[in-house]
Structure formats: C-alpha cells, structure tokens
C-alpha cells in the first residue's frame, strides 16, 4: 500500500501541502483507517508538517491518532471500517458531483 500511496501523492495528485483545504486540490481517502501511518508519512514527506511529528504517532497529546480524523487539516473524512469511507467517497479516481464544492479527483 505504501508504494501505491507514494505513486499517487508524488506522481499523480495535484495539491498544495500548505493549503490542504483548497477545493481544487485532489483528495486521497484512506478507507483502511488503521493504515494512517502511511497517510501521515506521505503528508509529512510532502511538507504538510514536520517529519519529527511522526515519532509521536498514537501517543497521548499527538494529533496523529490511530485513524485519520478531520481534526487534521489534510483529512476530510474520518475513516475506520472499509465500508464507512467507501460510502463517503469513491475508492477510485472520480469527479465530484455538481453539488460538491470542487471537481478535483478523489483517489
């Protein structure tokens, strides 16, 4: 999964790590929430936050919890069980519906 995440983040997706809520940015939804370290590592490598924060993963007081939460600027939806995230966003690239605030792809 790490190789797929790296390929998407660094070769396909369009986003600004300093402006993760930009409606024109591509989105990455990690439906397997317990794989959060992969997501956190990709965002740290992209420059969204200092890599040293990764050492605080799943510790009391850390923003890097066991599952991604929207409390973080670069997370749009909380994920956990596979069906929960899949119901919120497509697991493959798609264009958001006209009612969504953007037409950027969701990966």
N, C-alpha and C. Protein backbone atom coordinates (compact mmCIF):
# COMPACT_ATOMS: atom_id res chain seq x y z
N UNK A 1 0.81 -1.19 0.00
CA UNK A 1 0.00 0.00 0.00
C UNK A 1 0.86 1.27 0.00
N UNK A 2 2.03 1.19 0.62
CA UNK A 2 2.91 2.36 0.67
C UNK A 2 3.37 2.78 -0.72
N UNK A 3 3.66 1.81 -1.58
CA UNK A 3 4.12 2.16 -2.92
C UNK A 3 3.02 2.83 -3.73
N UNK A 4 1.79 2.36 -3.59
CA UNK A 4 0.66 2.98 -4.29
C UNK A 4 0.42 4.40 -3.78
N UNK A 5 0.48 4.57 -2.47
CA UNK A 5 0.29 5.89 -1.87
C UNK A 5 1.37 6.86 -2.36
N UNK A 6 2.61 6.41 -2.37
CA UNK A 6 3.71 7.26 -2.83
C UNK A 6 3.53 7.62 -4.30
N UNK A 7 3.14 6.66 -5.13
CA UNK A 7 2.94 6.94 -6.56
C UNK A 7 1.84 7.98 -6.75
N UNK A 8 0.75 7.84 -6.02
CA UNK A 8 -0.34 8.81 -6.16
C UNK A 8 0.08 10.18 -5.65
N UNK A 9 0.63 10.24 -4.43
CA UNK A 9 0.98 11.53 -3.83
C UNK A 9 2.03 12.29 -4.62
N UNK A 10 3.02 11.58 -5.16
CA UNK A 10 4.16 12.28 -5.73
C UNK A 10 4.26 12.21 -7.24
N UNK A 11 3.32 11.54 -7.90
CA UNK A 11 3.35 11.50 -9.36
C UNK A 11 2.01 11.85 -10.01
N UNK A 12 0.92 11.70 -9.28
CA UNK A 12 -0.39 11.91 -9.89
C UNK A 12 -1.20 13.04 -9.28
N UNK A 13 -1.26 13.07 -7.97
CA UNK A 13 -2.14 14.02 -7.29
C UNK A 13 -1.64 15.46 -7.41
N UNK A 14 -2.62 16.37 -7.48
CA UNK A 14 -2.32 17.81 -7.51
C UNK A 14 -2.84 18.40 -6.20
N UNK A 15 -1.93 18.98 -5.41
CA UNK A 15 -2.32 19.58 -4.14
C UNK A 15 -1.20 20.49 -3.64
N UNK A 16 -1.55 21.37 -2.72
CA UNK A 16 -0.58 22.24 -2.08
C UNK A 16 -0.55 21.85 -0.60
N UNK A 17 0.53 21.25 -0.12
CA UNK A 17 0.57 20.80 1.27
C UNK A 17 0.39 21.94 2.28
N UNK A 18 0.64 23.17 1.85
CA UNK A 18 0.45 24.30 2.75
C UNK A 18 -1.00 24.82 2.72
N UNK A 19 -1.80 24.30 1.78
CA UNK A 19 -3.21 24.70 1.67
C UNK A 19 -4.07 23.46 1.37
N UNK A 20 -4.11 22.50 2.32
CA UNK A 20 -4.77 21.23 2.05
C UNK A 20 -6.28 21.32 1.86
N UNK A 21 -6.91 22.38 2.30
CA UNK A 21 -8.37 22.52 2.16
C UNK A 21 -8.76 23.21 0.85
N UNK A 22 -7.79 23.53 0.02
CA UNK A 22 -8.08 24.16 -1.27
C UNK A 22 -9.06 23.28 -2.04
N UNK A 23 -10.20 23.81 -2.45
CA UNK A 23 -11.21 22.99 -3.14
C UNK A 23 -10.75 22.44 -4.49
N UNK A 24 -9.68 22.98 -5.05
CA UNK A 24 -9.18 22.49 -6.33
C UNK A 24 -8.14 21.38 -6.17
N UNK A 25 -7.76 21.09 -4.94
CA UNK A 25 -6.78 20.03 -4.69
C UNK A 25 -7.42 18.66 -4.85
N UNK A 26 -6.63 17.71 -5.35
CA UNK A 26 -7.08 16.32 -5.37
C UNK A 26 -7.22 15.84 -3.92
N UNK A 27 -8.05 14.83 -3.73
CA UNK A 27 -8.26 14.26 -2.40
C UNK A 27 -7.83 12.81 -2.38
N UNK A 28 -7.30 12.38 -1.23
CA UNK A 28 -6.92 10.99 -1.02
C UNK A 28 -7.70 10.51 0.20
N UNK A 29 -8.53 9.50 0.01
CA UNK A 29 -9.31 8.95 1.11
C UNK A 29 -8.74 7.59 1.46
N UNK A 30 -8.32 7.45 2.69
CA UNK A 30 -7.76 6.20 3.17
C UNK A 30 -8.87 5.44 3.89
N UNK A 31 -9.53 4.54 3.17
CA UNK A 31 -10.64 3.84 3.78
C UNK A 31 -10.18 2.84 4.83
N UNK A 32 -8.97 2.36 4.73
CA UNK A 32 -8.41 1.46 5.75
C UNK A 32 -7.74 2.34 6.80
N UNK A 33 -8.57 2.86 7.70
CA UNK A 33 -8.12 3.87 8.64
C UNK A 33 -6.93 3.49 9.50
N UNK A 34 -6.81 2.21 9.84
CA UNK A 34 -5.68 1.82 10.69
C UNK A 34 -4.34 1.87 9.95
N UNK A 35 -4.37 2.17 8.68
CA UNK A 35 -3.13 2.36 7.92
C UNK A 35 -2.74 3.84 7.91
N UNK A 36 -3.23 4.58 8.87
CA UNK A 36 -2.96 6.02 8.97
C UNK A 36 -1.48 6.39 8.88
N UNK A 37 -0.55 5.60 9.42
CA UNK A 37 0.87 5.98 9.30
C UNK A 37 1.32 6.19 7.85
N UNK A 38 0.73 5.48 6.91
CA UNK A 38 1.08 5.68 5.50
C UNK A 38 0.64 7.07 5.05
N UNK A 39 -0.59 7.42 5.40
CA UNK A 39 -1.11 8.75 5.05
C UNK A 39 -0.28 9.84 5.72
N UNK A 40 -0.03 9.69 7.01
CA UNK A 40 0.75 10.70 7.73
C UNK A 40 2.16 10.84 7.14
N UNK A 41 2.77 9.72 6.79
CA UNK A 41 4.11 9.77 6.21
C UNK A 41 4.12 10.50 4.87
N UNK A 42 3.11 10.25 4.05
CA UNK A 42 3.03 10.93 2.74
C UNK A 42 2.87 12.43 2.93
N UNK A 43 1.99 12.83 3.85
CA UNK A 43 1.80 14.27 4.07
C UNK A 43 3.05 14.91 4.68
N UNK A 44 3.73 14.21 5.56
CA UNK A 44 4.97 14.76 6.12
C UNK A 44 6.03 14.91 5.03
N UNK A 45 6.17 13.89 4.19
CA UNK A 45 7.14 13.97 3.08
C UNK A 45 6.79 15.10 2.11
N UNK A 46 5.50 15.35 1.93
CA UNK A 46 5.06 16.42 1.04
C UNK A 46 5.26 17.81 1.66
N UNK A 47 5.48 17.86 2.97
CA UNK A 47 5.73 19.13 3.63
C UNK A 47 4.57 19.70 4.41
N UNK A 48 3.53 18.91 4.66
CA UNK A 48 2.37 19.41 5.39
C UNK A 48 2.69 19.65 6.87
N UNK A 49 3.63 18.89 7.40
CA UNK A 49 4.08 19.08 8.78
C UNK A 49 5.47 18.46 8.92
N UNK A 50 6.13 18.78 10.01
CA UNK A 50 7.49 18.32 10.26
C UNK A 50 7.52 16.80 10.44
N UNK A 51 8.46 16.14 9.79
CA UNK A 51 8.59 14.68 9.88
C UNK A 51 8.80 14.20 11.33
N UNK A 52 9.37 15.03 12.17
CA UNK A 52 9.61 14.66 13.57
C UNK A 52 8.30 14.33 14.29
N UNK A 53 7.20 14.91 13.82
CA UNK A 53 5.89 14.62 14.42
C UNK A 53 5.51 13.15 14.26
N UNK A 54 6.04 12.48 13.24
CA UNK A 54 5.73 11.07 13.03
C UNK A 54 6.16 10.21 14.22
N UNK A 55 7.17 10.65 14.95
CA UNK A 55 7.64 9.89 16.12
C UNK A 55 6.65 9.94 17.27
N UNK A 56 5.67 10.84 17.19
CA UNK A 56 4.66 10.96 18.24
C UNK A 56 3.37 10.20 17.89
N UNK A 57 3.41 9.44 16.82
CA UNK A 57 2.24 8.69 16.36
C UNK A 57 1.60 7.90 17.51
N UNK A 58 0.30 8.06 17.64
CA UNK A 58 -0.51 7.31 18.62
C UNK A 58 -0.07 7.51 20.06
N UNK A 59 0.51 8.67 20.37
CA UNK A 59 0.85 8.96 21.76
C UNK A 59 -0.13 10.00 22.29
N UNK A 60 -0.29 10.04 23.60
CA UNK A 60 -1.21 10.99 24.23
C UNK A 60 -0.77 12.40 23.88
N UNK A 61 -1.71 13.18 23.40
CA UNK A 61 -1.44 14.56 23.03
C UNK A 61 -1.04 14.76 21.58
N UNK A 62 -0.79 13.68 20.87
CA UNK A 62 -0.40 13.79 19.46
C UNK A 62 -1.63 13.97 18.58
N UNK A 63 -1.49 14.77 17.54
CA UNK A 63 -2.56 14.92 16.55
C UNK A 63 -2.62 13.71 15.62
N UNK A 64 -1.58 12.91 15.62
CA UNK A 64 -1.51 11.75 14.73
C UNK A 64 -2.07 10.52 15.46
N UNK A 65 -3.38 10.38 15.35
CA UNK A 65 -4.07 9.29 16.04
C UNK A 65 -3.99 8.00 15.23
N UNK A 66 -4.58 6.95 15.75
CA UNK A 66 -4.57 5.65 15.10
C UNK A 66 -5.35 5.60 13.80
N UNK A 67 -6.34 6.47 13.66
CA UNK A 67 -7.13 6.60 12.44
C UNK A 67 -7.16 8.08 12.06
N UNK A 68 -7.16 8.39 10.76
CA UNK A 68 -7.23 9.79 10.35
C UNK A 68 -8.54 10.44 10.80
N UNK A 69 -8.45 11.67 11.27
CA UNK A 69 -9.66 12.40 11.68
C UNK A 69 -9.65 13.77 11.02
N UNK A 70 -10.85 14.32 10.76
CA UNK A 70 -10.93 15.65 10.13
C UNK A 70 -10.37 16.78 11.00
N UNK A 71 -9.98 16.46 12.22
CA UNK A 71 -9.33 17.47 13.07
C UNK A 71 -8.03 17.94 12.43
N UNK A 72 -7.43 17.08 11.59
CA UNK A 72 -6.21 17.44 10.87
C UNK A 72 -6.57 18.17 9.58
N UNK A 73 -5.82 19.18 9.23
CA UNK A 73 -6.11 19.99 8.04
C UNK A 73 -6.16 19.17 6.75
N UNK A 74 -5.41 18.09 6.68
CA UNK A 74 -5.32 17.33 5.44
C UNK A 74 -6.24 16.12 5.40
N UNK A 75 -7.15 16.01 6.35
CA UNK A 75 -8.11 14.90 6.38
C UNK A 75 -9.52 15.48 6.25
N UNK A 76 -10.27 15.00 5.24
CA UNK A 76 -11.63 15.49 5.02
C UNK A 76 -12.69 14.66 5.73
N UNK A 77 -12.47 13.35 5.85
CA UNK A 77 -13.45 12.48 6.49
C UNK A 77 -12.73 11.51 7.42
N UNK A 78 -13.41 11.19 8.54
CA UNK A 78 -12.89 10.16 9.44
C UNK A 78 -13.14 8.81 8.79
N UNK A 79 -12.18 7.91 8.92
CA UNK A 79 -12.32 6.59 8.32
C UNK A 79 -12.06 5.53 9.37
N UNK A 80 -12.53 4.36 9.10
CA UNK A 80 -12.33 3.25 10.02
C UNK A 80 -12.56 1.97 9.26
N UNK A 81 -13.77 1.45 9.35
CA UNK A 81 -14.06 0.24 8.59
C UNK A 81 -14.13 0.60 7.11
N UNK A 82 -13.81 -0.35 6.27
CA UNK A 82 -13.74 -0.09 4.83
C UNK A 82 -15.04 0.45 4.26
N UNK A 83 -16.15 -0.06 4.67
CA UNK A 83 -17.43 0.38 4.10
C UNK A 83 -17.75 1.81 4.47
N UNK A 84 -17.32 2.24 5.61
CA UNK A 84 -17.63 3.59 6.06
C UNK A 84 -17.05 4.65 5.14
N UNK A 85 -15.79 4.53 4.81
CA UNK A 85 -15.16 5.51 3.93
C UNK A 85 -15.62 5.34 2.49
N UNK A 86 -15.83 4.09 2.08
CA UNK A 86 -16.26 3.85 0.71
C UNK A 86 -17.62 4.47 0.45
N UNK A 87 -18.45 4.51 1.45
CA UNK A 87 -19.77 5.11 1.30
C UNK A 87 -19.68 6.62 1.17
N UNK A 88 -18.62 7.20 1.71
CA UNK A 88 -18.47 8.66 1.67
C UNK A 88 -17.79 9.14 0.40
N UNK A 89 -16.85 8.40 -0.09
CA UNK A 89 -16.09 8.79 -1.28
C UNK A 89 -15.79 7.55 -2.09
N UNK A 90 -15.64 7.71 -3.35
CA UNK A 90 -15.26 6.59 -4.20
C UNK A 90 -13.82 6.20 -3.92
N UNK A 91 -13.51 4.91 -3.99
CA UNK A 91 -12.15 4.45 -3.76
C UNK A 91 -11.26 4.62 -4.98
N UNK A 92 -11.85 4.97 -6.11
CA UNK A 92 -11.06 5.17 -7.33
C UNK A 92 -11.22 6.61 -7.79
N UNK A 93 -10.37 7.09 -8.68
CA UNK A 93 -10.49 8.48 -9.12
C UNK A 93 -11.87 8.75 -9.70
N UNK A 94 -12.41 9.88 -9.31
CA UNK A 94 -13.71 10.28 -9.84
C UNK A 94 -13.82 11.79 -9.79
N UNK A 95 -14.84 12.30 -10.42
CA UNK A 95 -15.12 13.72 -10.34
C UNK A 95 -16.28 13.89 -9.39
N UNK A 96 -16.17 14.84 -8.51
CA UNK A 96 -17.23 15.07 -7.54
C UNK A 96 -18.51 15.51 -8.23
N UNK A 97 -19.62 15.27 -7.57
CA UNK A 97 -20.92 15.68 -8.09
C UNK A 97 -21.01 17.19 -8.14
N UNK A 98 -21.94 17.70 -8.93
CA UNK A 98 -22.10 19.14 -9.10
C UNK A 98 -22.38 19.84 -7.78
N UNK A 99 -22.97 19.15 -6.81
CA UNK A 99 -23.29 19.77 -5.53
C UNK A 99 -22.06 19.92 -4.64
N UNK A 100 -20.96 19.24 -4.97
CA UNK A 100 -19.74 19.34 -4.18
C UNK A 100 -19.03 20.65 -4.48
N UNK A 101 -18.21 21.12 -3.53
CA UNK A 101 -17.53 22.40 -3.72
C UNK A 101 -16.38 22.37 -4.72
N UNK A 102 -16.04 21.21 -5.25
CA UNK A 102 -14.92 21.12 -6.18
C UNK A 102 -15.15 20.00 -7.18
N UNK A 103 -14.38 20.03 -8.26
CA UNK A 103 -14.44 18.96 -9.24
C UNK A 103 -13.13 18.22 -9.30
N UNK A 104 -12.24 18.45 -8.33
CA UNK A 104 -10.94 17.78 -8.30
C UNK A 104 -11.13 16.29 -8.05
N UNK A 105 -10.25 15.45 -8.58
CA UNK A 105 -10.39 13.99 -8.38
C UNK A 105 -10.25 13.56 -6.93
N UNK A 106 -10.91 12.49 -6.61
CA UNK A 106 -10.77 11.82 -5.33
C UNK A 106 -10.11 10.48 -5.59
N UNK A 107 -9.03 10.19 -4.89
CA UNK A 107 -8.30 8.94 -5.05
C UNK A 107 -8.55 8.06 -3.87
